[in-house]
Amino acid sequence: VAGLEEAMTFVNADGPTDGAQEGLNLSFAPLATLTPGGEA
């Protein structure tokens, strides 16, 4: 979950799961797994 400042307008989100704006927050769907040493 990422917080947006009031002075910002959400444009786009990209990642291994879908993101959606909820007020001043941007929430991504849960990532099922992340292996040791792995990055998302």
All heavy atoms as atom14 arrays in JSON, in Angstrom:
{
  "sequence": "VAGLEEAMTFVNADGPTDGAQEGLNLSFAPLATLTPGGEA",
  "atom14_mask": [
    [1, 1, 1, 1, 1, 1, 1, 0, 0, 0, 0, 0, 0, 0],
    [1, 1, 1, 1, 1, 0, 0, 0, 0, 0, 0, 0, 0, 0],
    [1, 1, 1, 1, 0, 0, 0, 0, 0, 0, 0, 0, 0, 0],
    [1, 1, 1, 1, 1, 1, 1, 1, 0, 0, 0, 0, 0, 0],
    [1, 1, 1, 1, 1, 1, 1, 1, 1, 0, 0, 0, 0, 0],
    [1, 1, 1, 1, 1, 1, 1, 1, 1, 0, 0, 0, 0, 0],
    [1, 1, 1, 1, 1, 0, 0, 0, 0, 0, 0, 0, 0, 0],
    [1, 1, 1, 1, 1, 1, 1, 1, 0, 0, 0, 0, 0, 0],
    [1, 1, 1, 1, 1, 1, 1, 0, 0, 0, 0, 0, 0, 0],
    [1, 1, 1, 1, 1, 1, 1, 1, 1, 1, 1, 0, 0, 0],
    [1, 1, 1, 1, 1, 1, 1, 0, 0, 0, 0, 0, 0, 0],
    [1, 1, 1, 1, 1, 1, 1, 1, 0, 0, 0, 0, 0, 0],
    [1, 1, 1, 1, 1, 0, 0, 0, 0, 0, 0, 0, 0, 0],
    [1, 1, 1, 1, 1, 1, 1, 1, 0, 0, 0, 0, 0, 0],
    [1, 1, 1, 1, 0, 0, 0, 0, 0, 0, 0, 0, 0, 0],
    [1, 1, 1, 1, 1, 1, 1, 0, 0, 0, 0, 0, 0, 0],
    [1, 1, 1, 1, 1, 1, 1, 0, 0, 0, 0, 0, 0, 0],
    [1, 1, 1, 1, 1, 1, 1, 1, 0, 0, 0, 0, 0, 0],
    [1, 1, 1, 1, 0, 0, 0, 0, 0, 0, 0, 0, 0, 0],
    [1, 1, 1, 1, 1, 0, 0, 0, 0, 0, 0, 0, 0, 0],
    [1, 1, 1, 1, 1, 1, 1, 1, 1, 0, 0, 0, 0, 0],
    [1, 1, 1, 1, 1, 1, 1, 1, 1, 0, 0, 0, 0, 0],
    [1, 1, 1, 1, 0, 0, 0, 0, 0, 0, 0, 0, 0, 0],
    [1, 1, 1, 1, 1, 1, 1, 1, 0, 0, 0, 0, 0, 0],
    [1, 1, 1, 1, 1, 1, 1, 1, 0, 0, 0, 0, 0, 0],
    [1, 1, 1, 1, 1, 1, 1, 1, 0, 0, 0, 0, 0, 0],
    [1, 1, 1, 1, 1, 1, 0, 0, 0, 0, 0, 0, 0, 0],
    [1, 1, 1, 1, 1, 1, 1, 1, 1, 1, 1, 0, 0, 0],
    [1, 1, 1, 1, 1, 0, 0, 0, 0, 0, 0, 0, 0, 0],
    [1, 1, 1, 1, 1, 1, 1, 0, 0, 0, 0, 0, 0, 0],
    [1, 1, 1, 1, 1, 1, 1, 1, 0, 0, 0, 0, 0, 0],
    [1, 1, 1, 1, 1, 0, 0, 0, 0, 0, 0, 0, 0, 0],
    [1, 1, 1, 1, 1, 1, 1, 0, 0, 0, 0, 0, 0, 0],
    [1, 1, 1, 1, 1, 1, 1, 1, 0, 0, 0, 0, 0, 0],
    [1, 1, 1, 1, 1, 1, 1, 0, 0, 0, 0, 0, 0, 0],
    [1, 1, 1, 1, 1, 1, 1, 0, 0, 0, 0, 0, 0, 0],
    [1, 1, 1, 1, 0, 0, 0, 0, 0, 0, 0, 0, 0, 0],
    [1, 1, 1, 1, 0, 0, 0, 0, 0, 0, 0, 0, 0, 0],
    [1, 1, 1, 1, 1, 1, 1, 1, 1, 0, 0, 0, 0, 0],
    [1, 1, 1, 1, 1, 0, 0, 0, 0, 0, 0, 0, 0, 0]
  ],
  "atom14_positions": [
    [[0.87, -1.18, 0.0], [0.0, 0.0, 0.0], [0.9, 1.22, 0.0], [1.81, 1.33, 0.81], [-0.93, 0.02, 1.24], [-1.78, 1.28, 1.24], [-1.8, -1.22, 1.28], [0.0, 0.0, 0.0], [0.0, 0.0, 0.0], [0.0, 0.0, 0.0], [0.0, 0.0, 0.0], [0.0, 0.0, 0.0], [0.0, 0.0, 0.0], [0.0, 0.0, 0.0]],
    [[0.64, 2.16, -0.92], [1.42, 3.39, -1.02], [0.49, 4.58, -0.8], [-0.62, 4.6, -1.33], [2.09, 3.48, -2.38], [0.0, 0.0, 0.0], [0.0, 0.0, 0.0], [0.0, 0.0, 0.0], [0.0, 0.0, 0.0], [0.0, 0.0, 0.0], [0.0, 0.0, 0.0], [0.0, 0.0, 0.0], [0.0, 0.0, 0.0], [0.0, 0.0, 0.0]],
    [[0.96, 5.54, -0.02], [0.17, 6.74, 0.23], [0.48, 7.82, -0.79], [1.63, 8.02, -1.18], [0.0, 0.0, 0.0], [0.0, 0.0, 0.0], [0.0, 0.0, 0.0], [0.0, 0.0, 0.0], [0.0, 0.0, 0.0], [0.0, 0.0, 0.0], [0.0, 0.0, 0.0], [0.0, 0.0, 0.0], [0.0, 0.0, 0.0], [0.0, 0.0, 0.0]],
    [[-0.57, 8.5, -1.26], [-0.41, 9.61, -2.19], [-0.67, 10.92, -1.45], [-1.54, 10.99, -0.59], [-1.41, 9.49, -3.34], [-1.34, 8.23, -4.19], [-2.5, 8.2, -5.18], [-0.02, 8.18, -4.94], [0.0, 0.0, 0.0], [0.0, 0.0, 0.0], [0.0, 0.0, 0.0], [0.0, 0.0, 0.0], [0.0, 0.0, 0.0], [0.0, 0.0, 0.0]],
    [[0.08, 11.94, -1.78], [-0.16, 13.26, -1.2], [-1.34, 13.9, -1.92], [-1.63, 13.59, -3.08], [1.09, 14.13, -1.34], [2.25, 13.62, -0.51], [3.44, 14.55, -0.58], [3.26, 15.74, -0.89], [4.55, 14.08, -0.32], [0.0, 0.0, 0.0], [0.0, 0.0, 0.0], [0.0, 0.0, 0.0], [0.0, 0.0, 0.0], [0.0, 0.0, 0.0]],
    [[-2.02, 14.83, -1.23], [-3.17, 15.5, -1.83], [-2.81, 16.27, -3.09], [-3.65, 16.47, -3.96], [-3.84, 16.42, -0.82], [-4.57, 15.66, 0.26], [-5.38, 16.57, 1.17], [-5.74, 17.68, 0.74], [-5.63, 16.15, 2.3], [0.0, 0.0, 0.0], [0.0, 0.0, 0.0], [0.0, 0.0, 0.0], [0.0, 0.0, 0.0], [0.0, 0.0, 0.0]],
    [[-1.55, 16.71, -3.2], [-1.11, 17.48, -4.36], [-0.81, 16.59, -5.57], [-0.39, 17.08, -6.61], [0.11, 18.31, -4.0], [0.0, 0.0, 0.0], [0.0, 0.0, 0.0], [0.0, 0.0, 0.0], [0.0, 0.0, 0.0], [0.0, 0.0, 0.0], [0.0, 0.0, 0.0], [0.0, 0.0, 0.0], [0.0, 0.0, 0.0], [0.0, 0.0, 0.0]],
    [[-1.01, 15.27, -5.43], [-0.71, 14.34, -6.51], [-1.97, 13.71, -7.07], [-2.92, 13.45, -6.34], [0.19, 13.21, -6.01], [1.55, 13.63, -5.58], [2.47, 12.17, -5.04], [4.02, 12.92, -4.63], [0.0, 0.0, 0.0], [0.0, 0.0, 0.0], [0.0, 0.0, 0.0], [0.0, 0.0, 0.0], [0.0, 0.0, 0.0], [0.0, 0.0, 0.0]],
    [[-1.93, 13.45, -8.37], [-3.0, 12.71, -9.02], [-2.41, 11.4, -9.53], [-1.39, 11.4, -10.22], [-3.57, 13.5, -10.22], [-4.04, 14.76, -9.75], [-4.7, 12.76, -10.89], [0.0, 0.0, 0.0], [0.0, 0.0, 0.0], [0.0, 0.0, 0.0], [0.0, 0.0, 0.0], [0.0, 0.0, 0.0], [0.0, 0.0, 0.0], [0.0, 0.0, 0.0]],
    [[-3.04, 10.29, -9.2], [-2.6, 8.98, -9.65], [-2.78, 8.87, -11.15], [-3.82, 9.25, -11.7], [-3.42, 7.9, -8.93], [-3.23, 6.53, -9.49], [-2.04, 5.85, -9.31], [-4.24, 5.92, -10.2], [-1.86, 4.58, -9.82], [-4.08, 4.65, -10.72], [-2.89, 3.98, -10.53], [0.0, 0.0, 0.0], [0.0, 0.0, 0.0], [0.0, 0.0, 0.0]],
    [[-1.75, 8.36, -11.84], [-1.79, 8.19, -13.29], [-1.8, 6.72, -13.66], [-2.65, 6.25, -14.42], [-0.59, 8.9, -13.99], [-0.58, 8.63, -15.48], [-0.62, 10.4, -13.71], [0.0, 0.0, 0.0], [0.0, 0.0, 0.0], [0.0, 0.0, 0.0], [0.0, 0.0, 0.0], [0.0, 0.0, 0.0], [0.0, 0.0, 0.0], [0.0, 0.0, 0.0]],
    [[-0.85, 5.95, -13.12], [-0.69, 4.56, -13.54], [0.07, 3.78, -12.48], [0.89, 4.33, -11.76], [0.06, 4.51, -14.88], [0.14, 3.12, -15.46], [-0.82, 2.37, -15.41], [1.29, 2.77, -16.01], [0.0, 0.0, 0.0], [0.0, 0.0, 0.0], [0.0, 0.0, 0.0], [0.0, 0.0, 0.0], [0.0, 0.0, 0.0], [0.0, 0.0, 0.0]],
    [[-0.2, 2.48, -12.44], [0.56, 1.57, -11.58], [0.92, 0.33, -12.37], [0.12, -0.15, -13.19], [-0.27, 1.18, -10.36], [0.0, 0.0, 0.0], [0.0, 0.0, 0.0], [0.0, 0.0, 0.0], [0.0, 0.0, 0.0], [0.0, 0.0, 0.0], [0.0, 0.0, 0.0], [0.0, 0.0, 0.0], [0.0, 0.0, 0.0], [0.0, 0.0, 0.0]],
    [[2.11, -0.17, -12.14], [2.59, -1.36, -12.83], [3.34, -2.22, -11.84], [4.08, -1.7, -11.0], [3.5, -0.96, -13.99], [3.9, -2.14, -14.84], [3.06, -3.05, -15.05], [5.05, -2.18, -15.31], [0.0, 0.0, 0.0], [0.0, 0.0, 0.0], [0.0, 0.0, 0.0], [0.0, 0.0, 0.0], [0.0, 0.0, 0.0], [0.0, 0.0, 0.0]],
    [[3.14, -3.52, -11.91], [3.85, -4.43, -11.01], [3.37, -5.84, -11.23], [2.56, -6.11, -12.12], [0.0, 0.0, 0.0], [0.0, 0.0, 0.0], [0.0, 0.0, 0.0], [0.0, 0.0, 0.0], [0.0, 0.0, 0.0], [0.0, 0.0, 0.0], [0.0, 0.0, 0.0], [0.0, 0.0, 0.0], [0.0, 0.0, 0.0], [0.0, 0.0, 0.0]],
    [[3.84, -6.76, -10.38], [3.45, -8.16, -10.53], [1.99, -8.42, -10.15], [1.45, -9.47, -10.48], [4.41, -8.9, -9.6], [4.91, -7.88, -8.65], [4.84, -6.56, -9.35], [0.0, 0.0, 0.0], [0.0, 0.0, 0.0], [0.0, 0.0, 0.0], [0.0, 0.0, 0.0], [0.0, 0.0, 0.0], [0.0, 0.0, 0.0], [0.0, 0.0, 0.0]],
    [[1.34, -7.48, -9.45], [-0.09, -7.59, -9.14], [-0.76, -6.26, -9.51], [-0.1, -5.23, -9.61], [-0.34, -7.92, -7.66], [0.22, -6.88, -6.85], [0.28, -9.26, -7.27], [0.0, 0.0, 0.0], [0.0, 0.0, 0.0], [0.0, 0.0, 0.0], [0.0, 0.0, 0.0], [0.0, 0.0, 0.0], [0.0, 0.0, 0.0], [0.0, 0.0, 0.0]],
    [[-2.07, -6.28, -9.68], [-2.81, -5.09, -10.07], [-2.92, -4.1, -8.92], [-3.06, -4.48, -7.75], [-4.22, -5.46, -10.53], [-4.22, -6.24, -11.84], [-3.26, -6.08, -12.62], [-5.16, -7.01, -12.07], [0.0, 0.0, 0.0], [0.0, 0.0, 0.0], [0.0, 0.0, 0.0], [0.0, 0.0, 0.0], [0.0, 0.0, 0.0], [0.0, 0.0, 0.0]],
    [[-2.88, -2.81, -9.26], [-3.03, -1.75, -8.28], [-4.29, -0.96, -8.54], [-4.73, -0.82, -9.68], [0.0, 0.0, 0.0], [0.0, 0.0, 0.0], [0.0, 0.0, 0.0], [0.0, 0.0, 0.0], [0.0, 0.0, 0.0], [0.0, 0.0, 0.0], [0.0, 0.0, 0.0], [0.0, 0.0, 0.0], [0.0, 0.0, 0.0], [0.0, 0.0, 0.0]],
    [[-4.89, -0.44, -7.46], [-6.09, 0.38, -7.58], [-6.04, 1.5, -6.55], [-5.61, 1.3, -5.42], [-7.33, -0.47, -7.38], [0.0, 0.0, 0.0], [0.0, 0.0, 0.0], [0.0, 0.0, 0.0], [0.0, 0.0, 0.0], [0.0, 0.0, 0.0], [0.0, 0.0, 0.0], [0.0, 0.0, 0.0], [0.0, 0.0, 0.0], [0.0, 0.0, 0.0]],
    [[-6.51, 2.68, -6.95], [-6.53, 3.82, -6.05], [-7.76, 3.75, -5.16], [-8.86, 3.45, -5.61], [-6.56, 5.13, -6.85], [-6.5, 6.35, -5.96], [-6.49, 7.64, -6.75], [-6.62, 7.66, -7.96], [-6.34, 8.74, -6.05], [0.0, 0.0, 0.0], [0.0, 0.0, 0.0], [0.0, 0.0, 0.0], [0.0, 0.0, 0.0], [0.0, 0.0, 0.0]],
    [[-7.53, 4.03, -3.87], [-8.61, 4.08, -2.87], [-8.38, 5.35, -2.06], [-7.6, 5.35, -1.11], [-8.56, 2.85, -1.97], [-8.73, 1.53, -2.7], [-8.43, 0.32, -1.84], [-8.12, 0.48, -0.64], [-8.48, -0.8, -2.37], [0.0, 0.0, 0.0], [0.0, 0.0, 0.0], [0.0, 0.0, 0.0], [0.0, 0.0, 0.0], [0.0, 0.0, 0.0]],
    [[-9.01, 6.45, -2.47], [-8.78, 7.73, -1.8], [-7.35, 8.18, -2.03], [-6.91, 8.25, -3.17], [0.0, 0.0, 0.0], [0.0, 0.0, 0.0], [0.0, 0.0, 0.0], [0.0, 0.0, 0.0], [0.0, 0.0, 0.0], [0.0, 0.0, 0.0], [0.0, 0.0, 0.0], [0.0, 0.0, 0.0], [0.0, 0.0, 0.0], [0.0, 0.0, 0.0]],
    [[-6.61, 8.44, -0.96], [-5.21, 8.85, -1.08], [-4.25, 7.67, -0.99], [-3.04, 7.86, -0.85], [-4.87, 9.89, -0.02], [-5.51, 11.26, -0.21], [-5.15, 12.2, 0.94], [-5.1, 11.88, -1.54], [0.0, 0.0, 0.0], [0.0, 0.0, 0.0], [0.0, 0.0, 0.0], [0.0, 0.0, 0.0], [0.0, 0.0, 0.0], [0.0, 0.0, 0.0]],
    [[-4.77, 6.45, -1.05], [-3.93, 5.27, -1.02], [-4.0, 4.52, -2.34], [-5.02, 4.53, -3.02], [-4.35, 4.31, 0.1], [-3.99, 4.84, 1.46], [-2.94, 5.45, 1.64], [-4.84, 4.61, 2.43], [0.0, 0.0, 0.0], [0.0, 0.0, 0.0], [0.0, 0.0, 0.0], [0.0, 0.0, 0.0], [0.0, 0.0, 0.0], [0.0, 0.0, 0.0]],
    [[-2.91, 3.87, -2.67], [-2.84, 2.98, -3.81], [-2.55, 1.6, -3.26], [-1.52, 1.4, -2.62], [-1.73, 3.42, -4.78], [-1.52, 2.55, -5.99], [-2.77, 2.56, -6.87], [-0.33, 3.04, -6.79], [0.0, 0.0, 0.0], [0.0, 0.0, 0.0], [0.0, 0.0, 0.0], [0.0, 0.0, 0.0], [0.0, 0.0, 0.0], [0.0, 0.0, 0.0]],
    [[-3.48, 0.68, -3.45], [-3.33, -0.68, -2.92], [-3.13, -1.65, -4.07], [-3.84, -1.6, -5.07], [-4.57, -1.08, -2.12], [-4.74, -0.24, -1.02], [0.0, 0.0, 0.0], [0.0, 0.0, 0.0], [0.0, 0.0, 0.0], [0.0, 0.0, 0.0], [0.0, 0.0, 0.0], [0.0, 0.0, 0.0], [0.0, 0.0, 0.0], [0.0, 0.0, 0.0]],
    [[-2.18, -2.55, -3.88], [-1.93, -3.6, -4.85], [-2.52, -4.9, -4.32], [-2.51, -5.14, -3.1], [-0.43, -3.79, -5.09], [0.2, -2.66, -5.85], [0.71, -1.55, -5.19], [0.26, -2.69, -7.23], [1.28, -0.49, -5.89], [0.83, -1.65, -7.94], [1.34, -0.55, -7.27], [0.0, 0.0, 0.0], [0.0, 0.0, 0.0], [0.0, 0.0, 0.0]],
    [[-3.02, -5.73, -5.22], [-3.5, -7.05, -4.83], [-2.33, -7.81, -4.19], [-1.17, -7.6, -4.56], [-4.02, -7.81, -6.05], [0.0, 0.0, 0.0], [0.0, 0.0, 0.0], [0.0, 0.0, 0.0], [0.0, 0.0, 0.0], [0.0, 0.0, 0.0], [0.0, 0.0, 0.0], [0.0, 0.0, 0.0], [0.0, 0.0, 0.0], [0.0, 0.0, 0.0]],
    [[-2.63, -8.68, -3.22], [-1.54, -9.41, -2.54], [-0.7, -10.24, -3.52], [-1.23, -10.84, -4.46], [-2.27, -10.32, -1.56], [-3.58, -9.64, -1.34], [-3.93, -8.99, -2.65], [0.0, 0.0, 0.0], [0.0, 0.0, 0.0], [0.0, 0.0, 0.0], [0.0, 0.0, 0.0], [0.0, 0.0, 0.0], [0.0, 0.0, 0.0], [0.0, 0.0, 0.0]],
    [[0.59, -10.25, -3.27], [1.53, -11.08, -4.02], [1.55, -12.44, -3.33], [1.84, -12.53, -2.13], [2.91, -10.44, -4.0], [4.03, -11.13, -4.77], [3.69, -11.2, -6.27], [5.34, -10.4, -4.57], [0.0, 0.0, 0.0], [0.0, 0.0, 0.0], [0.0, 0.0, 0.0], [0.0, 0.0, 0.0], [0.0, 0.0, 0.0], [0.0, 0.0, 0.0]],
    [[1.21, -13.48, -4.06], [1.04, -14.82, -3.46], [2.31, -15.31, -2.77], [2.26, -15.74, -1.62], [0.58, -15.82, -4.52], [0.0, 0.0, 0.0], [0.0, 0.0, 0.0], [0.0, 0.0, 0.0], [0.0, 0.0, 0.0], [0.0, 0.0, 0.0], [0.0, 0.0, 0.0], [0.0, 0.0, 0.0], [0.0, 0.0, 0.0], [0.0, 0.0, 0.0]],
    [[3.45, -15.24, -3.45], [4.71, -15.72, -2.86], [5.89, -14.9, -3.35], [5.85, -14.32, -4.44], [4.99, -17.2, -3.23], [5.09, -17.32, -4.64], [3.9, -18.13, -2.71], [0.0, 0.0, 0.0], [0.0, 0.0, 0.0], [0.0, 0.0, 0.0], [0.0, 0.0, 0.0], [0.0, 0.0, 0.0], [0.0, 0.0, 0.0], [0.0, 0.0, 0.0]],
    [[6.92, -14.89, -2.52], [8.19, -14.26, -2.89], [9.29, -15.13, -2.29], [9.39, -15.28, -1.08], [8.28, -12.83, -2.36], [9.47, -12.0, -2.84], [9.45, -11.87, -4.37], [9.44, -10.62, -2.21], [0.0, 0.0, 0.0], [0.0, 0.0, 0.0], [0.0, 0.0, 0.0], [0.0, 0.0, 0.0], [0.0, 0.0, 0.0], [0.0, 0.0, 0.0]],
    [[10.09, -15.72, -3.15], [11.12, -16.65, -2.71], [12.24, -15.94, -1.95], [12.44, -14.73, -2.12], [11.74, -17.4, -3.91], [12.28, -16.43, -4.81], [10.69, -18.23, -4.63], [0.0, 0.0, 0.0], [0.0, 0.0, 0.0], [0.0, 0.0, 0.0], [0.0, 0.0, 0.0], [0.0, 0.0, 0.0], [0.0, 0.0, 0.0], [0.0, 0.0, 0.0]],
    [[13.0, -16.66, -1.14], [14.14, -16.04, -0.45], [15.09, -15.4, -1.45], [15.44, -16.0, -2.47], [14.81, -17.22, 0.26], [13.71, -18.22, 0.45], [12.84, -18.07, -0.77], [0.0, 0.0, 0.0], [0.0, 0.0, 0.0], [0.0, 0.0, 0.0], [0.0, 0.0, 0.0], [0.0, 0.0, 0.0], [0.0, 0.0, 0.0], [0.0, 0.0, 0.0]],
    [[15.45, -14.16, -1.2], [16.32, -13.42, -2.11], [15.59, -12.82, -3.3], [16.17, -12.08, -4.08], [0.0, 0.0, 0.0], [0.0, 0.0, 0.0], [0.0, 0.0, 0.0], [0.0, 0.0, 0.0], [0.0, 0.0, 0.0], [0.0, 0.0, 0.0], [0.0, 0.0, 0.0], [0.0, 0.0, 0.0], [0.0, 0.0, 0.0], [0.0, 0.0, 0.0]],
    [[14.3, -13.13, -3.43], [13.53, -12.64, -4.57], [13.11, -11.19, -4.41], [13.08, -10.66, -3.29], [0.0, 0.0, 0.0], [0.0, 0.0, 0.0], [0.0, 0.0, 0.0], [0.0, 0.0, 0.0], [0.0, 0.0, 0.0], [0.0, 0.0, 0.0], [0.0, 0.0, 0.0], [0.0, 0.0, 0.0], [0.0, 0.0, 0.0], [0.0, 0.0, 0.0]],
    [[12.83, -10.55, -5.52], [12.39, -9.16, -5.53], [11.11, -9.02, -6.34], [10.9, -9.73, -7.31], [13.44, -8.24, -6.16], [14.65, -8.0, -5.32], [15.55, -6.94, -5.92], [15.37, -6.55, -7.09], [16.47, -6.51, -5.21], [0.0, 0.0, 0.0], [0.0, 0.0, 0.0], [0.0, 0.0, 0.0], [0.0, 0.0, 0.0], [0.0, 0.0, 0.0]],
    [[10.28, -8.08, -5.91], [9.09, -7.69, -6.66], [9.19, -6.18, -6.83], [9.44, -5.45, -5.87], [7.83, -8.07, -5.92], [0.0, 0.0, 0.0], [0.0, 0.0, 0.0], [0.0, 0.0, 0.0], [0.0, 0.0, 0.0], [0.0, 0.0, 0.0], [0.0, 0.0, 0.0], [0.0, 0.0, 0.0], [0.0, 0.0, 0.0], [0.0, 0.0, 0.0]]
  ]
}
